[in-house]
Amino acid sequence: MLKLIIAIAVVVVLLLGGGIAYLALWDIPAPTQPVEKVIPDGRLPR
C-alpha cells in the first residue's frame, strides 16, 4: 500500500513539474489588435 501511495505522489509531482515547466517556457504571442480609447478633453491638463 505504501508503494502505491509513493507512486501516486511521484506521478503528481511529475505532472505538476511538467505543467509549471510548460507554462514557464510557453511563448505567448503578444496581442496584435490596436487599442483606441477616447479621452475626454476635460481630463487633459491645460
PDB file of N, CA and C in Angstrom:
ATOM      1  N   MET A   1       0.825  -1.201   0.000  1.00  0.00           N
ATOM      2  CA  MET A   1       0.000   0.000   0.000  1.00  0.00           C
ATOM      3  C   MET A   1       0.871   1.268   0.000  1.00  0.00           C
ATOM      4  N   LEU A   2       1.962   1.201   0.741  1.00  0.00           N
ATOM      5  CA  LEU A   2       2.852   2.363   0.819  1.00  0.00           C
ATOM      6  C   LEU A   2       3.500   2.646  -0.537  1.00  0.00           C
ATOM      7  N   LYS A   3       3.827   1.578  -1.276  1.00  0.00           N
ATOM      8  CA  LYS A   3       4.429   1.764  -2.595  1.00  0.00           C
ATOM      9  C   LYS A   3       3.444   2.443  -3.551  1.00  0.00           C
ATOM     10  N   LEU A   4       2.168   2.114  -3.436  1.00  0.00           N
ATOM     11  CA  LEU A   4       1.148   2.726  -4.294  1.00  0.00           C
ATOM     12  C   LEU A   4       1.023   4.218  -3.997  1.00  0.00           C
ATOM     13  N   ILE A   5       1.025   4.579  -2.743  1.00  0.00           N
ATOM     14  CA  ILE A   5       0.927   5.987  -2.352  1.00  0.00           C
ATOM     15  C   ILE A   5       2.153   6.756  -2.836  1.00  0.00           C
ATOM     16  N   ILE A   6       3.322   6.158  -2.709  1.00  0.00           N
ATOM     17  CA  ILE A   6       4.546   6.814  -3.176  1.00  0.00           C
ATOM     18  C   ILE A   6       4.519   6.971  -4.691  1.00  0.00           C
ATOM     19  N   ALA A   7       4.050   5.967  -5.401  1.00  0.00           N
ATOM     20  CA  ALA A   7       3.982   6.043  -6.864  1.00  0.00           C
ATOM     21  C   ALA A   7       3.008   7.135  -7.301  1.00  0.00           C
ATOM     22  N   ILE A   8       1.872   7.228  -6.641  1.00  0.00           N
ATOM     23  CA  ILE A   8       0.890   8.277  -6.974  1.00  0.00           C
ATOM     24  C   ILE A   8       1.472   9.653  -6.680  1.00  0.00           C
ATOM     25  N   ALA A   9       2.181   9.787  -5.561  1.00  0.00           N
ATOM     26  CA  ALA A   9       2.797  11.066  -5.207  1.00  0.00           C
ATOM     27  C   ALA A   9       3.852  11.457  -6.231  1.00  0.00           C
ATOM     28  N   VAL A  10       4.640  10.500  -6.703  1.00  0.00           N
ATOM     29  CA  VAL A  10       5.667  10.785  -7.707  1.00  0.00           C
ATOM     30  C   VAL A  10       5.019  11.229  -9.009  1.00  0.00           C
ATOM     31  N   VAL A  11       3.939  10.563  -9.417  1.00  0.00           N
ATOM     32  CA  VAL A  11       3.241  10.943 -10.646  1.00  0.00           C
ATOM     33  C   VAL A  11       2.669  12.347 -10.520  1.00  0.00           C
ATOM     34  N   VAL A  12       2.085  12.676  -9.386  1.00  0.00           N
ATOM     35  CA  VAL A  12       1.512  14.015  -9.175  1.00  0.00           C
ATOM     36  C   VAL A  12       2.615  15.070  -9.223  1.00  0.00           C
ATOM     37  N   VAL A  13       3.740  14.816  -8.596  1.00  0.00           N
ATOM     38  CA  VAL A  13       4.855  15.776  -8.599  1.00  0.00           C
ATOM     39  C   VAL A  13       5.387  15.957 -10.023  1.00  0.00           C
ATOM     40  N   LEU A  14       5.507  14.871 -10.784  1.00  0.00           N
ATOM     41  CA  LEU A  14       5.975  14.979 -12.159  1.00  0.00           C
ATOM     42  C   LEU A  14       4.993  15.768 -13.026  1.00  0.00           C
ATOM     43  N   LEU A  15       3.705  15.531 -12.840  1.00  0.00           N
ATOM     44  CA  LEU A  15       2.706  16.275 -13.608  1.00  0.00           C
ATOM     45  C   LEU A  15       2.734  17.764 -13.262  1.00  0.00           C
ATOM     46  N   LEU A  16       2.846  18.090 -11.991  1.00  0.00           N
ATOM     47  CA  LEU A  16       2.917  19.495 -11.582  1.00  0.00           C
ATOM     48  C   LEU A  16       4.191  20.156 -12.119  1.00  0.00           C
ATOM     49  N   GLY A  17       5.318  19.455 -12.022  1.00  0.00           N
ATOM     50  CA  GLY A  17       6.569  19.996 -12.541  1.00  0.00           C
ATOM     51  C   GLY A  17       6.517  20.196 -14.044  1.00  0.00           C
ATOM     52  N   GLY A  18       5.932  19.244 -14.762  1.00  0.00           N
ATOM     53  CA  GLY A  18       5.799  19.382 -16.207  1.00  0.00           C
ATOM     54  C   GLY A  18       4.888  20.536 -16.584  1.00  0.00           C
ATOM     55  N   GLY A  19       3.806  20.705 -15.846  1.00  0.00           N
ATOM     56  CA  GLY A  19       2.895  21.819 -16.119  1.00  0.00           C
ATOM     57  C   GLY A  19       3.548  23.167 -15.857  1.00  0.00           C
ATOM     58  N   ILE A  20       4.294  23.260 -14.787  1.00  0.00           N
ATOM     59  CA  ILE A  20       4.986  24.511 -14.468  1.00  0.00           C
ATOM     60  C   ILE A  20       6.053  24.811 -15.528  1.00  0.00           C
ATOM     61  N   ALA A  21       6.788  23.778 -15.955  1.00  0.00           N
ATOM     62  CA  ALA A  21       7.806  23.976 -16.985  1.00  0.00           C
ATOM     63  C   ALA A  21       7.163  24.389 -18.308  1.00  0.00           C
ATOM     64  N   TYR A  22       6.030  23.785 -18.643  1.00  0.00           N
ATOM     65  CA  TYR A  22       5.335  24.140 -19.885  1.00  0.00           C
ATOM     66  C   TYR A  22       4.896  25.607 -19.858  1.00  0.00           C
ATOM     67  N   LEU A  23       4.313  26.040 -18.767  1.00  0.00           N
ATOM     68  CA  LEU A  23       3.872  27.434 -18.668  1.00  0.00           C
ATOM     69  C   LEU A  23       5.051  28.397 -18.655  1.00  0.00           C
ATOM     70  N   ALA A  24       6.168  28.003 -18.064  1.00  0.00           N
ATOM     71  CA  ALA A  24       7.338  28.879 -17.995  1.00  0.00           C
ATOM     72  C   ALA A  24       7.998  29.038 -19.368  1.00  0.00           C
ATOM     73  N   LEU A  25       7.937  27.999 -20.196  1.00  0.00           N
ATOM     74  CA  LEU A  25       8.628  28.037 -21.476  1.00  0.00           C
ATOM     75  C   LEU A  25       7.723  28.364 -22.647  1.00  0.00           C
ATOM     76  N   TRP A  26       6.418  28.497 -22.416  1.00  0.00           N
ATOM     77  CA  TRP A  26       5.454  28.744 -23.479  1.00  0.00           C
ATOM     78  C   TRP A  26       5.616  30.177 -23.977  1.00  0.00           C
ATOM     79  N   ASP A  27       5.815  30.343 -25.273  1.00  0.00           N
ATOM     80  CA  ASP A  27       5.995  31.665 -25.868  1.00  0.00           C
ATOM     81  C   ASP A  27       4.626  32.211 -26.271  1.00  0.00           C
ATOM     82  N   ILE A  28       4.009  32.965 -25.384  1.00  0.00           N
ATOM     83  CA  ILE A  28       2.678  33.509 -25.625  1.00  0.00           C
ATOM     84  C   ILE A  28       2.801  34.684 -26.595  1.00  0.00           C
ATOM     85  N   PRO A  29       2.063  34.657 -27.715  1.00  0.00           N
ATOM     86  CA  PRO A  29       2.160  35.775 -28.660  1.00  0.00           C
ATOM     87  C   PRO A  29       1.518  37.046 -28.084  1.00  0.00           C
ATOM     88  N   ALA A  30       2.113  38.178 -28.420  1.00  0.00           N
ATOM     89  CA  ALA A  30       1.582  39.458 -27.958  1.00  0.00           C
ATOM     90  C   ALA A  30       0.316  39.796 -28.738  1.00  0.00           C
ATOM     91  N   PRO A  31      -0.606  40.538 -28.129  1.00  0.00           N
ATOM     92  CA  PRO A  31      -1.812  40.946 -28.852  1.00  0.00           C
ATOM     93  C   PRO A  31      -1.447  41.829 -30.051  1.00  0.00           C
ATOM     94  N   THR A  32      -2.162  41.651 -31.163  1.00  0.00           N
ATOM     95  CA  THR A  32      -1.832  42.397 -32.371  1.00  0.00           C
ATOM     96  C   THR A  32      -2.876  43.435 -32.728  1.00  0.00           C
ATOM     97  N   GLN A  33      -3.987  43.482 -32.024  1.00  0.00           N
ATOM     98  CA  GLN A  33      -5.018  44.471 -32.334  1.00  0.00           C
ATOM     99  C   GLN A  33      -4.675  45.808 -31.685  1.00  0.00           C
ATOM    100  N   PRO A  34      -4.791  46.909 -32.438  1.00  0.00           N
ATOM    101  CA  PRO A  34      -4.541  48.218 -31.832  1.00  0.00           C
ATOM    102  C   PRO A  34      -5.674  48.575 -30.859  1.00  0.00           C
ATOM    103  N   VAL A  35      -5.317  49.334 -29.827  1.00  0.00           N
ATOM    104  CA  VAL A  35      -6.293  49.761 -28.829  1.00  0.00           C
ATOM    105  C   VAL A  35      -6.523  51.252 -28.999  1.00  0.00           C
ATOM    106  N   GLU A  36      -7.768  51.631 -29.177  1.00  0.00           N
ATOM    107  CA  GLU A  36      -8.112  53.049 -29.299  1.00  0.00           C
ATOM    108  C   GLU A  36      -9.069  53.406 -28.174  1.00  0.00           C
ATOM    109  N   LYS A  37      -8.720  54.442 -27.431  1.00  0.00           N
ATOM    110  CA  LYS A  37      -9.561  54.873 -26.326  1.00  0.00           C
ATOM    111  C   LYS A  37      -9.724  56.382 -26.424  1.00  0.00           C
ATOM    112  N   VAL A  38     -10.954  56.829 -26.359  1.00  0.00           N
ATOM    113  CA  VAL A  38     -11.241  58.262 -26.449  1.00  0.00           C
ATOM    114  C   VAL A  38     -11.144  58.854 -25.058  1.00  0.00           C
ATOM    115  N   ILE A  39     -10.304  59.888 -24.925  1.00  0.00           N
ATOM    116  CA  ILE A  39     -10.139  60.582 -23.651  1.00  0.00           C
ATOM    117  C   ILE A  39     -10.842  61.929 -23.773  1.00  0.00           C
ATOM    118  N   PRO A  40     -11.800  62.210 -22.889  1.00  0.00           N
ATOM    119  CA  PRO A  40     -12.489  63.492 -22.958  1.00  0.00           C
ATOM    120  C   PRO A  40     -11.522  64.658 -22.709  1.00  0.00           C
ATOM    121  N   ASP A  41     -11.819  65.810 -23.325  1.00  0.00           N
ATOM    122  CA  ASP A  41     -10.952  66.989 -23.183  1.00  0.00           C
ATOM    123  C   ASP A  41     -10.860  67.464 -21.743  1.00  0.00           C
ATOM    124  N   GLY A  42     -11.870  67.235 -20.956  1.00  0.00           N
ATOM    125  CA  GLY A  42     -11.864  67.669 -19.554  1.00  0.00           C
ATOM    126  C   GLY A  42     -10.817  66.956 -18.712  1.00  0.00           C
ATOM    127  N   ARG A  43     -10.385  65.809 -19.132  1.00  0.00           N
ATOM    128  CA  ARG A  43      -9.395  65.040 -18.352  1.00  0.00           C
ATOM    129  C   ARG A  43      -7.962  65.401 -18.728  1.00  0.00           C
ATOM    130  N   LEU A  44      -7.750  66.159 -19.785  1.00  0.00           N
ATOM    131  CA  LEU A  44      -6.391  66.526 -20.206  1.00  0.00           C
ATOM    132  C   LEU A  44      -5.937  67.806 -19.501  1.00  0.00           C
ATOM    133  N   PRO A  45      -4.661  67.818 -19.096  1.00  0.00           N
ATOM    134  CA  PRO A  45      -4.158  69.057 -18.440  1.00  0.00           C
ATOM    135  C   PRO A  45      -4.015  70.174 -19.486  1.00  0.00           C
ATOM    136  N   ARG A  46      -4.123  71.398 -18.996  1.00  0.00           N
ATOM    137  CA  ARG A  46      -4.016  72.544 -19.909  1.00  0.00           C
ATOM    138  C   ARG A  46      -2.652  73.146 -19.853  1.00  0.00           C
TER     139      ARG A  46
END
